[in-house]
Amino acid sequence: MGKKNLGVEAVDKALQILNACSEKREELTLTEIAKQINQYKSTTSRLCTSLLKFGYIERLPNKKFTLGN
């Protein structure tokens, strides 16, 4: 069995968002995140909502995302 089939796809995608935000600690728009992780904006939005809920990322007044505290 290959490593590609291991794990949970949604968790993998959420971790990709965290990785995107952690690179250079940049503030990113939803569109920028979606492009970096190669996902639709709707999927990225739902994943970001979960990450926001648990404080892993924050949404700034300029509507960009960054890592949470």
N, C-alpha and C. Protein backbone atom coordinates (compact mmCIF):
# COMPACT_ATOMS: atom_id res chain seq x y z
N MET A 1 0.85 -1.18 0.00
CA MET A 1 0.00 0.00 0.00
C MET A 1 0.89 1.25 0.00
N GLY A 2 0.63 2.18 -0.91
CA GLY A 2 1.43 3.40 -1.00
C GLY A 2 1.06 4.43 0.05
N LYS A 3 1.98 5.31 0.35
CA LYS A 3 1.73 6.35 1.35
C LYS A 3 0.63 7.30 0.92
N LYS A 4 0.38 7.40 -0.36
CA LYS A 4 -0.62 8.32 -0.86
C LYS A 4 -2.01 8.00 -0.32
N ASN A 5 -2.28 6.74 0.00
CA ASN A 5 -3.59 6.31 0.48
C ASN A 5 -3.73 6.40 1.99
N LEU A 6 -2.68 6.78 2.68
CA LEU A 6 -2.72 6.84 4.14
C LEU A 6 -3.18 8.22 4.60
N GLY A 7 -3.83 8.26 5.74
CA GLY A 7 -4.24 9.53 6.31
C GLY A 7 -5.65 9.93 5.90
N VAL A 8 -6.00 11.14 6.28
CA VAL A 8 -7.33 11.68 6.02
C VAL A 8 -7.16 12.88 5.09
N GLU A 9 -7.81 12.83 3.95
CA GLU A 9 -7.63 13.85 2.92
C GLU A 9 -7.93 15.26 3.43
N ALA A 10 -9.02 15.42 4.19
CA ALA A 10 -9.38 16.75 4.70
C ALA A 10 -8.30 17.29 5.64
N VAL A 11 -7.73 16.42 6.45
CA VAL A 11 -6.66 16.84 7.35
C VAL A 11 -5.43 17.23 6.55
N ASP A 12 -5.13 16.48 5.52
CA ASP A 12 -4.00 16.81 4.65
C ASP A 12 -4.18 18.19 4.03
N LYS A 13 -5.38 18.48 3.56
CA LYS A 13 -5.66 19.78 2.95
C LYS A 13 -5.55 20.91 3.98
N ALA A 14 -6.06 20.67 5.19
CA ALA A 14 -5.97 21.69 6.24
C ALA A 14 -4.50 21.97 6.59
N LEU A 15 -3.71 20.92 6.64
CA LEU A 15 -2.29 21.10 6.93
C LEU A 15 -1.58 21.85 5.81
N GLN A 16 -2.04 21.66 4.58
CA GLN A 16 -1.47 22.43 3.47
C GLN A 16 -1.75 23.92 3.65
N ILE A 17 -2.92 24.25 4.17
CA ILE A 17 -3.25 25.66 4.43
C ILE A 17 -2.31 26.21 5.49
N LEU A 18 -2.10 25.46 6.55
CA LEU A 18 -1.19 25.92 7.61
C LEU A 18 0.22 26.09 7.06
N ASN A 19 0.65 25.18 6.22
CA ASN A 19 1.98 25.31 5.60
C ASN A 19 2.05 26.56 4.73
N ALA A 20 1.00 26.83 3.97
CA ALA A 20 0.98 28.01 3.11
C ALA A 20 1.09 29.29 3.93
N CYS A 21 0.38 29.32 5.06
CA CYS A 21 0.41 30.50 5.93
C CYS A 21 1.74 30.63 6.67
N SER A 22 2.38 29.51 6.95
CA SER A 22 3.61 29.56 7.74
C SER A 22 4.83 29.93 6.91
N GLU A 23 4.77 29.72 5.60
CA GLU A 23 5.89 30.09 4.75
C GLU A 23 6.03 31.61 4.78
N LYS A 24 7.11 32.07 5.35
CA LYS A 24 7.41 33.50 5.46
C LYS A 24 6.39 34.26 6.30
N ARG A 25 5.50 33.55 7.01
CA ARG A 25 4.47 34.18 7.86
C ARG A 25 3.69 35.25 7.10
N GLU A 26 3.37 34.95 5.85
CA GLU A 26 2.65 35.90 5.01
C GLU A 26 1.17 35.94 5.35
N GLU A 27 0.56 37.09 5.05
CA GLU A 27 -0.89 37.22 5.07
C GLU A 27 -1.38 36.86 3.68
N LEU A 28 -2.36 35.97 3.59
CA LEU A 28 -2.84 35.49 2.30
C LEU A 28 -4.34 35.64 2.16
N THR A 29 -4.80 35.96 0.96
CA THR A 29 -6.23 35.97 0.68
C THR A 29 -6.70 34.54 0.48
N LEU A 30 -8.01 34.36 0.52
CA LEU A 30 -8.58 33.03 0.27
C LEU A 30 -8.18 32.53 -1.11
N THR A 31 -8.21 33.41 -2.09
CA THR A 31 -7.83 33.03 -3.45
C THR A 31 -6.38 32.59 -3.52
N GLU A 32 -5.50 33.31 -2.84
CA GLU A 32 -4.08 32.95 -2.83
C GLU A 32 -3.86 31.58 -2.18
N ILE A 33 -4.56 31.34 -1.09
CA ILE A 33 -4.44 30.04 -0.41
C ILE A 33 -4.94 28.93 -1.33
N ALA A 34 -6.11 29.14 -1.93
CA ALA A 34 -6.68 28.12 -2.81
C ALA A 34 -5.73 27.78 -3.96
N LYS A 35 -5.10 28.79 -4.53
CA LYS A 35 -4.15 28.54 -5.62
C LYS A 35 -2.93 27.77 -5.11
N GLN A 36 -2.43 28.14 -3.93
CA GLN A 36 -1.23 27.48 -3.40
C GLN A 36 -1.47 26.01 -3.09
N ILE A 37 -2.67 25.69 -2.63
CA ILE A 37 -2.94 24.30 -2.27
C ILE A 37 -3.70 23.55 -3.36
N ASN A 38 -3.95 24.24 -4.48
CA ASN A 38 -4.59 23.63 -5.65
C ASN A 38 -5.97 23.06 -5.32
N GLN A 39 -6.80 23.90 -4.68
CA GLN A 39 -8.16 23.51 -4.32
C GLN A 39 -9.12 24.62 -4.76
N TYR A 40 -10.39 24.26 -4.90
CA TYR A 40 -11.41 25.26 -5.18
C TYR A 40 -11.53 26.22 -4.00
N LYS A 41 -11.96 27.46 -4.28
CA LYS A 41 -12.15 28.43 -3.20
C LYS A 41 -13.19 27.95 -2.19
N SER A 42 -14.25 27.29 -2.67
CA SER A 42 -15.29 26.83 -1.76
C SER A 42 -14.75 25.81 -0.76
N THR A 43 -13.93 24.89 -1.24
CA THR A 43 -13.31 23.89 -0.37
C THR A 43 -12.36 24.57 0.61
N THR A 44 -11.56 25.48 0.09
CA THR A 44 -10.60 26.21 0.92
C THR A 44 -11.32 27.02 1.98
N SER A 45 -12.43 27.64 1.63
CA SER A 45 -13.21 28.43 2.58
C SER A 45 -13.71 27.57 3.74
N ARG A 46 -14.23 26.39 3.43
CA ARG A 46 -14.73 25.51 4.49
C ARG A 46 -13.59 25.05 5.41
N LEU A 47 -12.46 24.73 4.81
CA LEU A 47 -11.31 24.31 5.62
C LEU A 47 -10.83 25.46 6.50
N CYS A 48 -10.79 26.66 5.94
CA CYS A 48 -10.37 27.84 6.72
C CYS A 48 -11.32 28.10 7.87
N THR A 49 -12.61 27.89 7.64
CA THR A 49 -13.60 28.09 8.71
C THR A 49 -13.29 27.18 9.90
N SER A 50 -12.96 25.93 9.62
CA SER A 50 -12.61 25.00 10.70
C SER A 50 -11.32 25.42 11.40
N LEU A 51 -10.33 25.83 10.62
CA LEU A 51 -9.05 26.27 11.22
C LEU A 51 -9.25 27.54 12.05
N LEU A 52 -10.13 28.43 11.59
CA LEU A 52 -10.45 29.65 12.36
C LEU A 52 -11.12 29.29 13.68
N LYS A 53 -12.05 28.37 13.61
CA LYS A 53 -12.81 27.94 14.79
C LYS A 53 -11.90 27.47 15.93
N PHE A 54 -10.82 26.79 15.57
CA PHE A 54 -9.91 26.27 16.58
C PHE A 54 -8.68 27.14 16.81
N GLY A 55 -8.65 28.32 16.16
CA GLY A 55 -7.59 29.28 16.42
C GLY A 55 -6.27 29.02 15.71
N TYR A 56 -6.25 28.10 14.76
CA TYR A 56 -5.01 27.81 14.04
C TYR A 56 -4.64 28.91 13.05
N ILE A 57 -5.68 29.58 12.52
CA ILE A 57 -5.45 30.74 11.67
C ILE A 57 -6.35 31.87 12.15
N GLU A 58 -6.05 33.08 11.72
CA GLU A 58 -6.86 34.25 12.04
C GLU A 58 -7.24 34.96 10.76
N ARG A 59 -8.39 35.62 10.76
CA ARG A 59 -8.78 36.45 9.63
C ARG A 59 -8.62 37.90 10.06
N LEU A 60 -7.82 38.61 9.34
CA LEU A 60 -7.50 39.99 9.66
C LEU A 60 -8.57 40.94 9.13
N PRO A 61 -8.59 42.19 9.61
CA PRO A 61 -9.57 43.16 9.11
C PRO A 61 -9.50 43.36 7.59
N ASN A 62 -8.33 43.15 7.00
CA ASN A 62 -8.19 43.27 5.55
C ASN A 62 -8.63 42.01 4.81
N LYS A 63 -9.26 41.09 5.56
CA LYS A 63 -9.81 39.82 5.06
C LYS A 63 -8.77 38.81 4.63
N LYS A 64 -7.52 39.08 4.95
CA LYS A 64 -6.46 38.09 4.68
C LYS A 64 -6.33 37.17 5.87
N PHE A 65 -5.73 36.00 5.63
CA PHE A 65 -5.52 35.01 6.67
C PHE A 65 -4.06 34.98 7.08
N THR A 66 -3.84 34.65 8.35
CA THR A 66 -2.49 34.47 8.87
C THR A 66 -2.56 33.39 9.94
N LEU A 67 -1.40 32.89 10.34
CA LEU A 67 -1.39 31.89 11.42
C LEU A 67 -1.97 32.48 12.69
N GLY A 68 -2.65 31.65 13.47
CA GLY A 68 -3.21 32.09 14.73
C GLY A 68 -2.13 32.20 15.79
N ASN A 69 -2.53 32.75 16.92
CA ASN A 69 -1.57 32.94 18.03
C ASN A 69 -1.42 31.70 18.84
